[in-house]
Structures are given as C-alpha cells and as structure tokens.
Amino acid sequence: MQLVIVTPEGVACQAEVESVKLSGTAGPFTVLKGHAPLLSTLERGDVIYVEQGAERRVAIRSGVVNVFDNRIEVCAELDTPEKRK
C-alpha cells in the first residue's frame, strides 16, 4: 500500500507500507491491504505505520484521510512541541 502524508509545509511522508493506524474523530482504526474506500476526519494523535517491518510514527494535530485502491492519502497539520503552546 502507498501512504502519503501531506502538510501545509509539504510532503511529510511517502512510503510503501504494510499497515496504517489512525485516530479518526469517530475512533481509532487500522487500514490493511484491500481496505474498502474510506473518507474520515482525523483528530490529534499519531499516524502509526509499518514500513519494511519497522513501526514509524508521525504526530498530527488534525486532518483528513482518503483511502482507496490500496492508497492512503492523509492531509494533516503536524503536531510539534511549538504548536502545543
């Protein structure tokens, strides 16, 4: 599956992944290969993905995700210590 995370600053992540965990506003969910099409809003939390067997994280403040055809597109604002003040 292809994961792309886009922020106002640019592309934060572009990777071939095995799974992605997201914090949806209706609750957390996991995307695996062959997932049904989905559009969801996201709340503050980590986008957790597995790339080549290694778990990686990107902290976001909020955003949206579009899942289709084994592609996960996240448009989000990063959650950095500076933005938590």
N, C-alpha and C. Protein backbone atom coordinates (compact mmCIF):
# COMPACT_ATOMS: atom_id res chain seq x y z
N MET A 1 0.84 -1.17 0.00
CA MET A 1 0.00 0.00 0.00
C MET A 1 0.89 1.23 0.00
N GLN A 2 0.40 2.27 -0.59
CA GLN A 2 1.13 3.53 -0.65
C GLN A 2 0.54 4.51 0.37
N LEU A 3 1.39 5.06 1.23
CA LEU A 3 0.97 6.08 2.19
C LEU A 3 1.61 7.40 1.82
N VAL A 4 0.80 8.45 1.78
CA VAL A 4 1.29 9.81 1.54
C VAL A 4 0.69 10.70 2.63
N ILE A 5 1.55 11.42 3.36
CA ILE A 5 1.09 12.39 4.35
C ILE A 5 1.54 13.75 3.88
N VAL A 6 0.57 14.62 3.61
CA VAL A 6 0.84 15.97 3.11
C VAL A 6 0.43 16.97 4.19
N THR A 7 1.29 17.96 4.41
CA THR A 7 1.05 19.01 5.40
C THR A 7 1.16 20.37 4.72
N PRO A 8 0.79 21.44 5.40
CA PRO A 8 0.99 22.77 4.80
C PRO A 8 2.45 23.05 4.46
N GLU A 9 3.36 22.38 5.16
CA GLU A 9 4.79 22.57 4.92
C GLU A 9 5.31 21.74 3.75
N GLY A 10 4.54 20.75 3.30
CA GLY A 10 4.97 19.88 2.20
C GLY A 10 4.69 18.42 2.52
N VAL A 11 5.33 17.52 1.79
CA VAL A 11 5.14 16.09 1.98
C VAL A 11 5.95 15.64 3.20
N ALA A 12 5.25 15.13 4.22
CA ALA A 12 5.91 14.68 5.45
C ALA A 12 6.32 13.23 5.35
N CYS A 13 5.63 12.45 4.51
CA CYS A 13 5.91 11.03 4.40
C CYS A 13 5.38 10.52 3.08
N GLN A 14 6.15 9.67 2.44
CA GLN A 14 5.71 8.95 1.26
C GLN A 14 6.39 7.60 1.33
N ALA A 15 5.61 6.52 1.55
CA ALA A 15 6.21 5.22 1.80
C ALA A 15 5.31 4.08 1.35
N GLU A 16 5.91 2.95 1.07
CA GLU A 16 5.20 1.71 0.82
C GLU A 16 5.05 1.05 2.18
N VAL A 17 3.81 0.81 2.62
CA VAL A 17 3.56 0.36 3.99
C VAL A 17 2.75 -0.93 4.02
N GLU A 18 2.82 -1.59 5.18
CA GLU A 18 2.07 -2.83 5.39
C GLU A 18 0.75 -2.57 6.11
N SER A 19 0.72 -1.56 6.98
CA SER A 19 -0.49 -1.18 7.71
C SER A 19 -0.36 0.26 8.19
N VAL A 20 -1.52 0.87 8.49
CA VAL A 20 -1.55 2.24 9.00
C VAL A 20 -2.65 2.32 10.07
N LYS A 21 -2.29 2.88 11.24
CA LYS A 21 -3.27 3.11 12.31
C LYS A 21 -3.48 4.62 12.41
N LEU A 22 -4.76 5.01 12.49
CA LEU A 22 -5.11 6.43 12.51
C LEU A 22 -6.11 6.71 13.63
N SER A 23 -6.11 7.95 14.11
CA SER A 23 -7.05 8.39 15.15
C SER A 23 -8.18 9.16 14.49
N GLY A 24 -9.22 8.45 14.09
CA GLY A 24 -10.39 9.09 13.48
C GLY A 24 -11.21 9.80 14.53
N THR A 25 -11.97 10.80 14.14
CA THR A 25 -12.82 11.51 15.10
C THR A 25 -13.92 10.60 15.66
N ALA A 26 -14.26 9.51 14.96
CA ALA A 26 -15.25 8.55 15.46
C ALA A 26 -14.57 7.38 16.17
N GLY A 27 -13.24 7.44 16.29
CA GLY A 27 -12.49 6.38 16.97
C GLY A 27 -11.31 5.91 16.12
N PRO A 28 -10.37 5.22 16.75
CA PRO A 28 -9.19 4.76 16.03
C PRO A 28 -9.53 3.62 15.07
N PHE A 29 -8.76 3.53 13.99
CA PHE A 29 -8.95 2.43 13.04
C PHE A 29 -7.63 2.10 12.35
N THR A 30 -7.59 0.90 11.78
CA THR A 30 -6.40 0.41 11.09
C THR A 30 -6.75 0.13 9.64
N VAL A 31 -5.84 0.48 8.74
CA VAL A 31 -6.01 0.22 7.31
C VAL A 31 -5.01 -0.86 6.91
N LEU A 32 -5.52 -1.92 6.30
CA LEU A 32 -4.70 -3.00 5.78
C LEU A 32 -4.94 -3.11 4.28
N LYS A 33 -4.11 -3.89 3.61
CA LYS A 33 -4.24 -4.06 2.16
C LYS A 33 -5.65 -4.52 1.81
N GLY A 34 -6.24 -3.92 0.78
CA GLY A 34 -7.56 -4.29 0.33
C GLY A 34 -8.69 -3.62 1.09
N HIS A 35 -8.36 -2.63 1.93
CA HIS A 35 -9.38 -1.93 2.71
C HIS A 35 -10.40 -1.28 1.78
N ALA A 36 -11.65 -1.25 2.22
CA ALA A 36 -12.71 -0.58 1.46
C ALA A 36 -12.43 0.91 1.39
N PRO A 37 -12.91 1.58 0.34
CA PRO A 37 -12.74 3.03 0.25
C PRO A 37 -13.31 3.71 1.51
N LEU A 38 -12.62 4.76 1.94
CA LEU A 38 -12.99 5.42 3.19
C LEU A 38 -12.54 6.87 3.15
N LEU A 39 -13.36 7.75 3.70
CA LEU A 39 -13.00 9.15 3.89
C LEU A 39 -13.34 9.48 5.33
N SER A 40 -12.36 10.00 6.09
CA SER A 40 -12.58 10.26 7.51
C SER A 40 -11.82 11.50 7.95
N THR A 41 -12.37 12.17 8.96
CA THR A 41 -11.63 13.25 9.61
C THR A 41 -10.76 12.62 10.70
N LEU A 42 -9.65 13.29 11.01
CA LEU A 42 -8.70 12.79 12.00
C LEU A 42 -8.55 13.78 13.14
N GLU A 43 -8.29 13.26 14.32
CA GLU A 43 -8.04 14.11 15.48
C GLU A 43 -6.58 13.95 15.90
N ARG A 44 -6.18 14.74 16.88
CA ARG A 44 -4.81 14.72 17.37
C ARG A 44 -4.41 13.30 17.76
N GLY A 45 -3.23 12.91 17.31
CA GLY A 45 -2.71 11.58 17.60
C GLY A 45 -1.59 11.24 16.64
N ASP A 46 -1.14 10.02 16.72
CA ASP A 46 -0.07 9.56 15.84
C ASP A 46 -0.64 8.78 14.67
N VAL A 47 -0.10 9.03 13.48
CA VAL A 47 -0.31 8.15 12.35
C VAL A 47 0.81 7.11 12.50
N ILE A 48 0.42 5.88 12.79
CA ILE A 48 1.40 4.82 13.04
C ILE A 48 1.38 3.88 11.83
N TYR A 49 2.53 3.72 11.19
CA TYR A 49 2.58 2.86 10.02
C TYR A 49 3.76 1.91 10.11
N VAL A 50 3.62 0.78 9.43
CA VAL A 50 4.67 -0.23 9.40
C VAL A 50 5.27 -0.23 8.00
N GLU A 51 6.56 0.06 7.96
CA GLU A 51 7.31 0.12 6.69
C GLU A 51 8.48 -0.84 6.80
N GLN A 52 8.53 -1.85 5.96
CA GLN A 52 9.58 -2.86 5.96
C GLN A 52 9.76 -3.47 7.35
N GLY A 53 8.65 -3.76 8.01
CA GLY A 53 8.68 -4.39 9.32
C GLY A 53 8.94 -3.47 10.49
N ALA A 54 9.25 -2.21 10.24
CA ALA A 54 9.55 -1.25 11.32
C ALA A 54 8.36 -0.31 11.53
N GLU A 55 7.98 -0.11 12.79
CA GLU A 55 6.90 0.81 13.11
C GLU A 55 7.43 2.24 13.16
N ARG A 56 6.73 3.14 12.49
CA ARG A 56 7.10 4.55 12.46
C ARG A 56 5.88 5.38 12.82
N ARG A 57 6.12 6.63 13.29
CA ARG A 57 5.04 7.49 13.74
C ARG A 57 5.21 8.92 13.20
N VAL A 58 4.07 9.52 12.91
CA VAL A 58 4.02 10.94 12.57
C VAL A 58 2.90 11.53 13.42
N ALA A 59 3.24 12.50 14.29
CA ALA A 59 2.24 13.14 15.16
C ALA A 59 1.51 14.22 14.39
N ILE A 60 0.16 14.17 14.47
CA ILE A 60 -0.65 15.18 13.79
C ILE A 60 -1.60 15.85 14.78
N ARG A 61 -2.00 17.08 14.45
CA ARG A 61 -2.99 17.83 15.26
C ARG A 61 -4.40 17.52 14.79
N SER A 62 -4.61 17.49 13.49
CA SER A 62 -5.91 17.20 12.90
C SER A 62 -5.70 16.99 11.41
N GLY A 63 -6.75 16.49 10.75
CA GLY A 63 -6.62 16.29 9.32
C GLY A 63 -7.74 15.45 8.75
N VAL A 64 -7.54 14.99 7.53
CA VAL A 64 -8.47 14.09 6.85
C VAL A 64 -7.66 12.99 6.18
N VAL A 65 -8.32 11.84 5.98
CA VAL A 65 -7.69 10.73 5.28
C VAL A 65 -8.64 10.22 4.21
N ASN A 66 -8.08 9.86 3.08
CA ASN A 66 -8.82 9.26 1.98
C ASN A 66 -8.13 7.93 1.66
N VAL A 67 -8.89 6.84 1.76
CA VAL A 67 -8.35 5.51 1.47
C VAL A 67 -9.05 4.98 0.23
N PHE A 68 -8.28 4.58 -0.77
CA PHE A 68 -8.85 4.00 -1.98
C PHE A 68 -7.78 3.24 -2.73
N ASP A 69 -8.14 2.10 -3.29
CA ASP A 69 -7.26 1.33 -4.17
C ASP A 69 -5.86 1.13 -3.57
N ASN A 70 -5.80 0.71 -2.30
CA ASN A 70 -4.53 0.47 -1.59
C ASN A 70 -3.64 1.71 -1.52
N ARG A 71 -4.25 2.88 -1.47
CA ARG A 71 -3.54 4.14 -1.32
C ARG A 71 -4.17 4.90 -0.15
N ILE A 72 -3.34 5.38 0.77
CA ILE A 72 -3.81 6.12 1.93
C ILE A 72 -3.25 7.53 1.81
N GLU A 73 -4.12 8.51 1.63
CA GLU A 73 -3.70 9.90 1.49
C GLU A 73 -4.16 10.67 2.73
N VAL A 74 -3.21 11.20 3.47
CA VAL A 74 -3.50 11.97 4.68
C VAL A 74 -3.12 13.42 4.42
N CYS A 75 -4.05 14.32 4.70
CA CYS A 75 -3.79 15.75 4.64
C CYS A 75 -3.95 16.26 6.06
N ALA A 76 -2.84 16.70 6.68
CA ALA A 76 -2.90 17.00 8.12
C ALA A 76 -1.93 18.10 8.50
N GLU A 77 -2.17 18.64 9.68
CA GLU A 77 -1.25 19.58 10.29
C GLU A 77 -0.42 18.80 11.31
N LEU A 78 0.90 18.92 11.21
CA LEU A 78 1.77 18.21 12.14
C LEU A 78 1.61 18.74 13.56
N ASP A 79 1.78 17.88 14.54
CA ASP A 79 1.71 18.25 15.95
C ASP A 79 3.14 18.32 16.47
N THR A 80 3.64 19.53 16.61
CA THR A 80 5.00 19.72 17.10
C THR A 80 4.95 20.41 18.46
N PRO A 81 6.01 20.30 19.26
CA PRO A 81 6.01 20.97 20.57
C PRO A 81 5.71 22.46 20.47
N GLU A 82 6.19 23.12 19.42
CA GLU A 82 5.95 24.54 19.25
C GLU A 82 4.46 24.84 19.07
N LYS A 83 3.73 23.94 18.43
CA LYS A 83 2.31 24.16 18.16
C LYS A 83 1.44 23.80 19.34
N ARG A 84 1.99 23.13 20.36
CA ARG A 84 1.21 22.75 21.54
C ARG A 84 1.09 23.88 22.53
N LYS A 85 1.86 24.95 22.37
CA LYS A 85 1.85 26.07 23.30
C LYS A 85 0.65 26.94 23.13
